[in-house]
């Protein structure tokens, strides 16, 4: 379609002709995402022309077509200068019915709205549907423009677009699905792209509370206590796809707004409510397994942002299904997190983005909540019985985590090792019992614990949990590999004394040569557990071995 021809016709066309002309452009470009660079100037002029049309009193159907055109053009970040202006953003905000801040003075979407402050007449059902479509198209345009234009992001702050979004959040109970979806998506984009806006949204606009209320309504949360959301009925239907999509957008926006936690009793109260809602999310079923996993992923990410003290809202349901051996706490949500972790391990890819958040969450929960740690350890590190197999070999959760301790991705192996270390109450002896020295060496070196001992966190003492099988086999376990090895034939059995002496001298000469050429450097462990050149460690006074502790 010739853009020069479109632009020339727009200048003199009436409403009907404009609508027909832009509809043809929309049909031809509905699936276009890569545009011809030679026509950037023309597309930019088309953006300007469409905005001029939107500023006039044109029918709702023409507004919708113009916004569709603008949405297609907004996929190209190089032509957004006319839109990323005060007038352009106020026009879109007005049509999206985001009243608040400066957008309030601009009125509401043109046709069907009263411009003189009087109450508008109630529209008929078809007109109301057309208005809703216009609002949705305007919100889609705003999402594209804000995402693709830094100038538009700044203008959005200047015209207080977020205030209009907050006003819309307060009417969430009456939202149509698409209006709510793209309102939440726009809030997510603004809070992700403008860090300076997050503090204002949290402090002045109380958006965290508003989003929590959106989640309560969307997920139909019922409360049995201040921080106790009623468990969803197992016989109820799965969460509808539309409700799930809006909830995910709300969780993403909440994640942005809670990246930096604030201190205070009010924040702590609100965060516990959010933690209780997230427990509800973990217990929900959606229409597909993929959607359920997505919901759990967003819940995990958000739980990582909350103060670790608020995680007790996940388990503090003593009246309803608590387990006596874990202080009467309910561990259903923790089991869901463990199942989620194992699914992510079994996927075998994208460990850094997909697995490390849940490992971090379970690690911190175990570090600060004794009942959580005891429950997870019982599932992940049960008492050892068969010690003839290497710790990294097998299909148990422990085997999978030990394999991750030597993963090529640094963040992954650190997260897996730290998780197991905390489950072992940060005791080196306990960790080596379950993993072997070879798998744990990286963590111990990083923590300065190669010489033994334990981490800095204090844990309550638990009774010994070693099985009789483990106690019997313990003297025969290879501490490096962590299992009982089959006896190997002695290669020196049939050698004469002269041959043994020759081989020993040969080995000494080889090591001496490699050392003098700086190919290898003999190292030792200092009393503080760190590595150092062998000559330094030999001069250092020996340290006391730290005691061990076990569950």
Foldseek 3Di string as FASTA:
>chain_A
DDLVVLLVCLVPDDLVVVLVSLVVVCVVQVPPLDDDPVCLVSLLVLLLSLLVVQVDQHDLSSLLSSLSSLLSSLSDLSNCVNLLDLSNVLSLLQLLQLQFAQNVLVHHRHPQGDDPPDHGDDDDPVSVVSSVSSNLSSLSSLLSNLQSDPSSLVSCVVRVSVRSLLVVLVVLLPDDLSSLLSSLSSLLSSLVVDVVVLVCCVPPSVVLLSLLVNLCNLVVWDAPDLLATDADDPPDDAREPSSLSSNLSSLSSLLSNLQPPDDDPVSLSSLLNLLNSLLNLLRGGHPDPVSSLSSPQSSLSNLLSGDLVSNLSNWPPQVPCADVVLVSTHCPSVVSLVVSLLVLLVVVDPCVSRHLSSLVSLLSNVLPRVSSLVVVCCQQPNADQAQADFLLDDDGNSNSLLVQCPDPDPSRNQSSLSSLCVSFVQFPVSSLLRRACQSNVVVLQVQLAQLTAGDDRDDDADDDRHDPNCVVCVVQADRHRNGRYDDDDDPCPPPDPVVVVVVVVVVVVVVVVCCVVVVDFDWDAAQSNHIDGPVVRVPHDHHDHHDGGGD
